């Protein structure tokens, strides 16, 4: 029995597109939640299509593990902050320290 994932160009293209969107978002951090949600919805649609074509659970789990590993690697890296955000974070921390000193 041959695997369904490697014999269907629609499934391979769908997973490749979902992974590309996910990796792009993890590298740029530009859209907030839109691209990761789009990537998840696309991968769910491709998984449903693969199951309808007769994909085994093993094939589906391998692809899902790839998505999970990439997401975990993305969580490990520090997201770049804009200079305005850094300034705001400094101001907030200074205000908090002044409030603590004033209470003493």
N, C-alpha and C. Protein backbone atom coordinates (compact mmCIF):
# COMPACT_ATOMS: atom_id res chain seq x y z
N UNK A 1 0.84 -1.18 0.00
CA UNK A 1 0.00 0.00 0.00
C UNK A 1 0.89 1.25 0.00
N UNK A 2 0.64 2.14 -0.93
CA UNK A 2 1.44 3.34 -1.06
C UNK A 2 0.82 4.47 -0.24
N UNK A 3 1.67 5.39 0.17
CA UNK A 3 1.19 6.52 0.95
C UNK A 3 0.42 7.51 0.10
N UNK A 4 -0.61 8.05 0.68
CA UNK A 4 -1.45 9.01 -0.03
C UNK A 4 -0.78 10.37 -0.11
N UNK A 5 -0.03 10.73 0.93
CA UNK A 5 0.53 12.08 0.98
C UNK A 5 1.50 12.37 -0.16
N UNK A 6 2.30 11.38 -0.54
CA UNK A 6 3.31 11.62 -1.56
C UNK A 6 2.80 11.38 -2.98
N UNK A 7 1.60 10.87 -3.11
CA UNK A 7 1.05 10.61 -4.44
C UNK A 7 0.05 11.67 -4.88
N UNK A 8 -0.30 12.58 -4.04
CA UNK A 8 -1.27 13.62 -4.39
C UNK A 8 -0.59 14.99 -4.37
N UNK A 9 -0.51 15.63 -5.53
CA UNK A 9 0.13 16.95 -5.56
C UNK A 9 -0.68 18.01 -4.81
N UNK A 10 -1.98 17.84 -4.70
CA UNK A 10 -2.80 18.80 -3.96
C UNK A 10 -2.45 18.76 -2.48
N UNK A 11 -2.27 17.56 -1.94
CA UNK A 11 -1.93 17.42 -0.52
C UNK A 11 -0.53 17.95 -0.26
N UNK A 12 0.42 17.59 -1.09
CA UNK A 12 1.79 18.09 -0.92
C UNK A 12 1.85 19.61 -1.04
N UNK A 13 1.15 20.15 -2.02
CA UNK A 13 1.13 21.60 -2.19
C UNK A 13 0.45 22.31 -1.04
N UNK A 14 -0.63 21.73 -0.54
CA UNK A 14 -1.33 22.33 0.60
C UNK A 14 -0.48 22.36 1.85
N UNK A 15 0.18 21.24 2.14
CA UNK A 15 1.06 21.21 3.32
C UNK A 15 2.27 22.12 3.13
N UNK A 16 2.81 22.16 1.92
CA UNK A 16 3.95 23.04 1.66
C UNK A 16 3.55 24.50 1.82
N UNK A 17 2.37 24.86 1.35
CA UNK A 17 1.89 26.23 1.50
C UNK A 17 1.65 26.58 2.97
N UNK A 18 1.05 25.65 3.71
CA UNK A 18 0.80 25.89 5.13
C UNK A 18 2.11 26.04 5.90
N UNK A 19 3.10 25.21 5.60
CA UNK A 19 4.40 25.32 6.25
C UNK A 19 5.12 26.60 5.87
N UNK A 20 5.01 27.00 4.62
CA UNK A 20 5.65 28.24 4.17
C UNK A 20 5.04 29.44 4.88
N UNK A 21 3.72 29.47 4.99
CA UNK A 21 3.05 30.57 5.70
C UNK A 21 3.48 30.59 7.16
N UNK A 22 3.52 29.43 7.78
CA UNK A 22 3.91 29.34 9.18
C UNK A 22 5.34 29.82 9.40
N UNK A 23 6.26 29.37 8.59
CA UNK A 23 7.67 29.76 8.74
C UNK A 23 7.84 31.25 8.46
N UNK A 24 7.14 31.77 7.45
CA UNK A 24 7.21 33.19 7.16
C UNK A 24 6.74 34.02 8.35
N UNK A 25 5.65 33.61 8.97
CA UNK A 25 5.14 34.36 10.11
C UNK A 25 6.07 34.26 11.31
N UNK A 26 6.66 33.10 11.53
CA UNK A 26 7.58 32.95 12.65
C UNK A 26 8.84 33.79 12.45
N UNK A 27 9.25 33.99 11.21
CA UNK A 27 10.45 34.78 10.94
C UNK A 27 10.18 36.28 11.00
N UNK A 28 9.00 36.73 10.55
CA UNK A 28 8.74 38.16 10.45
C UNK A 28 7.92 38.71 11.61
N UNK A 29 7.04 37.91 12.18
CA UNK A 29 6.16 38.35 13.27
C UNK A 29 5.40 39.61 12.90
N UNK A 30 4.85 39.64 11.70
CA UNK A 30 4.27 40.89 11.22
C UNK A 30 2.75 40.96 11.31
N UNK A 31 2.06 39.84 11.34
CA UNK A 31 0.61 39.91 11.23
C UNK A 31 -0.13 39.53 12.50
N UNK A 32 0.56 39.24 13.55
CA UNK A 32 -0.14 38.85 14.77
C UNK A 32 -0.65 37.43 14.67
N UNK A 33 -1.97 37.29 14.64
CA UNK A 33 -2.56 35.95 14.64
C UNK A 33 -3.12 35.53 13.29
N UNK A 34 -3.15 36.40 12.31
CA UNK A 34 -3.82 36.08 11.05
C UNK A 34 -3.13 34.94 10.29
N UNK A 35 -1.85 35.05 10.03
CA UNK A 35 -1.16 34.02 9.25
C UNK A 35 -1.05 32.68 9.99
N UNK A 36 -0.78 32.63 11.29
CA UNK A 36 -0.77 31.33 11.95
C UNK A 36 -2.14 30.64 11.92
N UNK A 37 -3.20 31.42 12.09
CA UNK A 37 -4.55 30.82 12.02
C UNK A 37 -4.83 30.34 10.60
N UNK A 38 -4.43 31.13 9.61
CA UNK A 38 -4.60 30.71 8.22
C UNK A 38 -3.83 29.42 7.94
N UNK A 39 -2.64 29.31 8.47
CA UNK A 39 -1.83 28.11 8.29
C UNK A 39 -2.49 26.89 8.93
N UNK A 40 -3.03 27.07 10.12
CA UNK A 40 -3.69 25.96 10.81
C UNK A 40 -4.95 25.54 10.05
N UNK A 41 -5.75 26.51 9.61
CA UNK A 41 -6.97 26.17 8.88
C UNK A 41 -6.66 25.46 7.56
N UNK A 42 -5.62 25.91 6.88
CA UNK A 42 -5.22 25.27 5.63
C UNK A 42 -4.75 23.84 5.89
N UNK A 43 -3.96 23.64 6.94
CA UNK A 43 -3.48 22.28 7.22
C UNK A 43 -4.63 21.37 7.65
N UNK A 44 -5.62 21.89 8.38
CA UNK A 44 -6.78 21.08 8.75
C UNK A 44 -7.57 20.68 7.51
N UNK A 45 -7.74 21.63 6.58
CA UNK A 45 -8.46 21.30 5.34
C UNK A 45 -7.72 20.24 4.53
N UNK A 46 -6.40 20.34 4.47
CA UNK A 46 -5.61 19.35 3.72
C UNK A 46 -5.66 17.99 4.42
N UNK A 47 -5.65 17.98 5.75
CA UNK A 47 -5.73 16.72 6.49
C UNK A 47 -7.08 16.05 6.24
N UNK A 48 -8.15 16.82 6.24
CA UNK A 48 -9.47 16.24 5.96
C UNK A 48 -9.49 15.66 4.55
N UNK A 49 -8.93 16.38 3.59
CA UNK A 49 -8.86 15.89 2.22
C UNK A 49 -8.03 14.61 2.15
N UNK A 50 -6.92 14.56 2.86
CA UNK A 50 -6.06 13.37 2.86
C UNK A 50 -6.78 12.18 3.48
N UNK A 51 -7.52 12.43 4.54
CA UNK A 51 -8.27 11.33 5.18
C UNK A 51 -9.34 10.80 4.23
N UNK A 52 -9.99 11.71 3.50
CA UNK A 52 -11.00 11.27 2.53
C UNK A 52 -10.38 10.44 1.40
N UNK A 53 -9.12 10.73 1.08
CA UNK A 53 -8.43 9.94 0.05
C UNK A 53 -7.86 8.62 0.59
N UNK A 54 -7.89 8.45 1.92
CA UNK A 54 -7.44 7.19 2.50
C UNK A 54 -6.09 7.24 3.16
N UNK A 55 -5.66 8.40 3.61
CA UNK A 55 -4.37 8.50 4.29
C UNK A 55 -4.43 7.77 5.63
N UNK A 56 -3.32 7.17 6.01
CA UNK A 56 -3.27 6.46 7.28
C UNK A 56 -3.00 7.45 8.42
N UNK A 57 -3.26 7.01 9.62
CA UNK A 57 -3.03 7.85 10.79
C UNK A 57 -1.54 8.18 10.93
N UNK A 58 -0.69 7.24 10.58
CA UNK A 58 0.75 7.45 10.67
C UNK A 58 1.20 8.60 9.77
N UNK A 59 0.68 8.67 8.56
CA UNK A 59 1.04 9.75 7.65
C UNK A 59 0.60 11.11 8.20
N UNK A 60 -0.59 11.16 8.74
CA UNK A 60 -1.13 12.41 9.27
C UNK A 60 -0.32 12.86 10.49
N UNK A 61 0.01 11.93 11.37
CA UNK A 61 0.75 12.27 12.60
C UNK A 61 2.14 12.80 12.27
N UNK A 62 2.79 12.25 11.28
CA UNK A 62 4.13 12.71 10.90
C UNK A 62 4.08 14.18 10.47
N UNK A 63 3.10 14.53 9.66
CA UNK A 63 2.99 15.91 9.21
C UNK A 63 2.63 16.83 10.37
N UNK A 64 1.73 16.40 11.24
CA UNK A 64 1.34 17.22 12.38
C UNK A 64 2.50 17.43 13.35
N UNK A 65 3.33 16.42 13.53
CA UNK A 65 4.51 16.57 14.38
C UNK A 65 5.48 17.61 13.81
N UNK A 66 5.58 17.65 12.50
CA UNK A 66 6.42 18.66 11.86
C UNK A 66 5.91 20.06 12.18
N UNK A 67 4.59 20.26 12.10
CA UNK A 67 4.00 21.54 12.44
C UNK A 67 4.26 21.90 13.90
N UNK A 68 4.10 20.94 14.80
CA UNK A 68 4.29 21.20 16.22
C UNK A 68 5.75 21.56 16.52
N UNK A 69 6.69 20.84 15.92
CA UNK A 69 8.11 21.12 16.16
C UNK A 69 8.47 22.51 15.67
N UNK A 70 7.96 22.91 14.51
CA UNK A 70 8.25 24.24 13.99
C UNK A 70 7.65 25.30 14.89
N UNK A 71 6.43 25.08 15.38
CA UNK A 71 5.81 26.04 16.29
C UNK A 71 6.57 26.14 17.61
N UNK A 72 7.04 25.02 18.13
CA UNK A 72 7.80 25.07 19.38
C UNK A 72 9.13 25.78 19.19
N UNK A 73 9.76 25.59 18.05
CA UNK A 73 11.00 26.30 17.77
C UNK A 73 10.73 27.79 17.65
N UNK A 74 9.59 28.16 17.11
CA UNK A 74 9.24 29.57 17.00
C UNK A 74 8.97 30.20 18.35
N UNK A 75 8.43 29.44 19.28
CA UNK A 75 8.18 29.97 20.62
C UNK A 75 9.48 30.18 21.39
N UNK A 76 10.50 29.39 21.06
CA UNK A 76 11.77 29.47 21.76
C UNK A 76 12.53 30.75 21.43
N UNK A 77 12.40 31.24 20.21
CA UNK A 77 13.14 32.43 19.81
C UNK A 77 12.47 33.68 20.36
N UNK A 78 13.28 34.67 20.64
CA UNK A 78 12.76 35.93 21.16
C UNK A 78 12.25 36.77 20.00
N UNK A 79 11.06 37.30 20.16
CA UNK A 79 10.47 38.10 19.11
C UNK A 79 11.08 39.50 19.14
N UNK A 80 11.43 40.03 17.98
CA UNK A 80 12.02 41.37 17.95
C UNK A 80 10.98 42.42 18.33
N UNK A 81 11.41 43.42 19.10
CA UNK A 81 10.53 44.50 19.49
C UNK A 81 10.92 45.76 18.74
N UNK A 82 9.92 46.55 18.45
CA UNK A 82 10.18 47.83 17.83
C UNK A 82 10.77 48.78 18.86
N UNK A 83 11.45 49.80 18.42
CA UNK A 83 12.08 50.73 19.36
C UNK A 83 11.03 51.43 20.21
N UNK A 84 9.85 51.71 19.65
CA UNK A 84 8.78 52.33 20.43
C UNK A 84 8.32 51.42 21.56
N UNK A 85 8.23 50.13 21.27
CA UNK A 85 7.82 49.18 22.30
C UNK A 85 8.87 49.11 23.41
N UNK A 86 10.14 49.15 23.06
CA UNK A 86 11.20 49.13 24.07
C UNK A 86 11.11 50.36 24.96
N UNK A 87 10.89 51.53 24.33
CA UNK A 87 10.76 52.76 25.11
C UNK A 87 9.56 52.69 26.05
N UNK A 88 8.45 52.19 25.54
CA UNK A 88 7.25 52.06 26.38
C UNK A 88 7.49 51.10 27.53
N UNK A 89 8.17 49.99 27.27
CA UNK A 89 8.45 49.02 28.33
C UNK A 89 9.37 49.63 29.39
N UNK A 90 10.34 50.44 28.97
CA UNK A 90 11.22 51.10 29.94
C UNK A 90 10.44 52.08 30.80
N UNK A 91 9.56 52.87 30.16
CA UNK A 91 8.76 53.83 30.91
C UNK A 91 7.87 53.14 31.93
N UNK A 92 7.25 52.06 31.51
CA UNK A 92 6.36 51.32 32.41
C UNK A 92 7.14 50.77 33.60
N UNK A 93 8.32 50.19 33.33
CA UNK A 93 9.11 49.63 34.44
C UNK A 93 9.62 50.74 35.37
N UNK A 94 9.98 51.90 34.81
CA UNK A 94 10.40 53.01 35.65
C UNK A 94 9.25 53.53 36.51
N UNK A 95 8.06 53.62 35.93
CA UNK A 95 6.90 54.07 36.69
C UNK A 95 6.57 53.10 37.81
N UNK A 96 6.68 51.82 37.54
CA UNK A 96 6.41 50.82 38.58
C UNK A 96 7.41 50.94 39.71
N UNK A 97 8.69 51.12 39.37
CA UNK A 97 9.70 51.23 40.42
C UNK A 97 9.50 52.51 41.24
N UNK A 98 9.07 53.59 40.57
CA UNK A 98 8.79 54.83 41.31
C UNK A 98 7.58 54.67 42.22
N UNK A 99 6.58 53.96 41.76
CA UNK A 99 5.39 53.72 42.59
C UNK A 99 5.73 52.90 43.82
N UNK A 100 6.62 51.94 43.65
CA UNK A 100 7.03 51.10 44.78
C UNK A 100 7.81 51.94 45.77
N UNK A 101 8.70 52.79 45.27
CA UNK A 101 9.48 53.66 46.16
C UNK A 101 8.60 54.68 46.87
N UNK A 102 7.59 55.21 46.19
CA UNK A 102 6.69 56.16 46.80
C UNK A 102 5.86 55.54 47.92
N UNK A 103 5.50 54.28 47.76
CA UNK A 103 4.71 53.58 48.78
C UNK A 103 5.51 53.32 50.03
N UNK A 104 6.82 53.21 49.90
CA UNK A 104 7.67 52.93 51.06
C UNK A 104 7.77 54.18 51.86
